[in-house]
Amino acid sequence: MTNRREARFLFEISRSEWGEEVRGAQRTENSRLTDGIDRWRAPLLARGELLPMSAVLFFSQIIGPAQIFCRAYLSGRHHGDPREQVETLIACAIRAVVAPGAPERAGGTS
């Protein structure tokens, strides 16, 4: 990443007070995303391919590690490009949500 300062600004701005004017639209889009993922997850949960967990926990398992890693980059605690760790972060997310013994599928779980 070549724009660490700009990335840090965008990350921090998402928590700022002046962003309140977009919070409604953000909630609507987040709701649409959650609904879509819930529809995708339901049959996988029913077949026992994903670990049973709430949507909030599911999202935290997938997004949390990457977000923490990017925060380390943005704060200067890690100097390598986070994009170099994509495959490892994906593998970690998969291990966090896929049930042990679930069948492997080409192209990931779907």
Protein backbone atom coordinates (compact mmCIF):
# COMPACT_ATOMS: atom_id res chain seq x y z
CA MET A 1 0.00 0.00 0.00
CA THR A 2 1.43 3.31 -0.95
CA ASN A 3 -1.09 5.64 0.72
CA ARG A 4 -0.87 4.74 4.39
CA ARG A 5 -1.77 8.25 5.54
CA GLU A 6 -4.88 8.35 3.34
CA ALA A 7 -5.90 4.83 4.36
CA ARG A 8 -5.55 5.73 8.04
CA PHE A 9 -7.72 8.82 7.43
CA LEU A 10 -10.45 6.74 5.75
CA PHE A 11 -10.35 4.15 8.50
CA GLU A 12 -10.62 6.74 11.26
CA ILE A 13 -13.24 8.86 9.47
CA SER A 14 -15.66 5.94 9.63
CA ARG A 15 -15.86 6.58 13.38
CA SER A 16 -16.11 10.35 13.27
CA GLU A 17 -19.14 12.39 14.24
CA TRP A 18 -19.43 14.18 10.91
CA GLY A 19 -20.22 10.85 9.29
CA GLU A 20 -23.58 10.77 11.08
CA GLU A 21 -25.32 12.03 7.94
CA VAL A 22 -24.52 8.78 6.13
CA ARG A 23 -25.28 6.42 9.02
CA GLY A 24 -28.83 5.69 7.79
CA ALA A 25 -27.64 4.69 4.33
CA GLN A 26 -24.82 2.70 5.89
CA ARG A 27 -27.26 0.81 8.14
CA THR A 28 -29.45 0.04 5.10
CA GLU A 29 -26.51 -1.32 3.11
CA ASN A 30 -25.23 -3.30 6.09
CA SER A 31 -28.69 -4.80 6.52
CA ARG A 32 -28.80 -5.82 2.85
CA LEU A 33 -25.35 -7.40 3.16
CA THR A 34 -26.34 -9.26 6.33
CA ASP A 35 -29.54 -10.55 4.72
CA GLY A 36 -27.63 -11.82 1.68
CA ILE A 37 -25.01 -13.55 3.77
CA ASP A 38 -27.70 -15.08 6.00
CA ARG A 39 -29.40 -16.53 2.89
CA TRP A 40 -26.04 -17.90 1.71
CA ARG A 41 -25.17 -19.33 5.15
CA ALA A 42 -28.54 -20.98 5.93
CA PRO A 43 -28.16 -24.07 3.71
CA LEU A 44 -24.51 -24.47 4.72
CA LEU A 45 -25.49 -24.39 8.38
CA ALA A 46 -28.32 -26.85 7.75
CA ARG A 47 -25.85 -29.28 6.13
CA GLY A 48 -23.39 -28.84 9.01
CA GLU A 49 -20.74 -27.32 6.78
CA LEU A 50 -20.41 -24.14 8.84
CA LEU A 51 -20.09 -23.85 12.58
CA PRO A 52 -23.31 -22.64 14.17
CA MET A 53 -22.85 -19.05 15.36
CA SER A 54 -24.69 -15.75 15.28
CA ALA A 55 -24.28 -13.46 12.28
CA VAL A 56 -22.34 -11.00 14.44
CA LEU A 57 -19.87 -13.69 15.52
CA PHE A 58 -19.62 -14.97 11.92
CA PHE A 59 -18.70 -11.50 10.64
CA SER A 60 -16.23 -10.95 13.46
CA GLN A 61 -14.46 -14.21 12.62
CA ILE A 62 -14.14 -13.31 8.95
CA ILE A 63 -13.46 -9.58 9.14
CA GLY A 64 -11.86 -9.18 12.57
CA PRO A 65 -8.41 -10.64 11.93
CA ALA A 66 -7.94 -8.70 8.69
CA GLN A 67 -9.14 -5.50 10.34
CA ILE A 68 -6.75 -5.92 13.27
CA PHE A 69 -3.91 -6.66 10.87
CA CYS A 70 -4.69 -3.54 8.80
CA ARG A 71 -4.84 -1.44 11.98
CA ALA A 72 -1.32 -2.62 12.80
CA TYR A 73 -0.21 -1.48 9.34
CA LEU A 74 -1.99 1.86 9.59
CA SER A 75 -0.51 2.56 13.03
CA GLY A 76 2.99 1.74 11.81
CA ARG A 77 3.41 -1.37 14.01
CA HIS A 78 3.64 -3.51 10.86
CA HIS A 79 5.49 -2.26 7.80
CA GLY A 80 4.72 -4.90 5.17
CA ASP A 81 1.90 -4.52 2.67
CA PRO A 82 -1.25 -6.19 4.11
CA ARG A 83 -2.12 -7.45 0.63
CA GLU A 84 0.84 -9.83 0.92
CA GLN A 85 -1.05 -11.67 3.68
CA VAL A 86 -4.36 -12.16 1.84
CA GLU A 87 -4.03 -15.93 1.40
CA THR A 88 -3.14 -16.45 5.07
CA LEU A 89 -6.03 -14.25 6.25
CA ILE A 90 -8.45 -16.14 3.99
CA ALA A 91 -7.21 -19.49 5.33
CA CYS A 92 -7.65 -18.25 8.91
CA ALA A 93 -11.20 -17.04 8.20
CA ILE A 94 -12.13 -20.37 6.64
CA ARG A 95 -10.77 -22.31 9.62
CA ALA A 96 -12.77 -20.06 11.96
CA VAL A 97 -16.17 -20.74 10.38
CA VAL A 98 -16.05 -24.08 8.56
CA ALA A 99 -17.15 -27.09 10.62
CA PRO A 100 -14.53 -29.78 11.21
CA GLY A 101 -14.96 -32.57 8.71
CA ALA A 102 -17.00 -30.43 6.29
CA PRO A 103 -16.39 -31.49 2.68
CA GLU A 104 -13.92 -29.37 0.74
CA ARG A 105 -15.31 -27.72 -2.35
CA ALA A 106 -13.47 -26.40 -5.36
CA GLY A 107 -13.34 -22.63 -5.18
CA GLY A 108 -14.20 -22.54 -1.48
CA THR A 109 -17.34 -23.21 0.50
CA SER A 110 -20.50 -22.23 -1.35
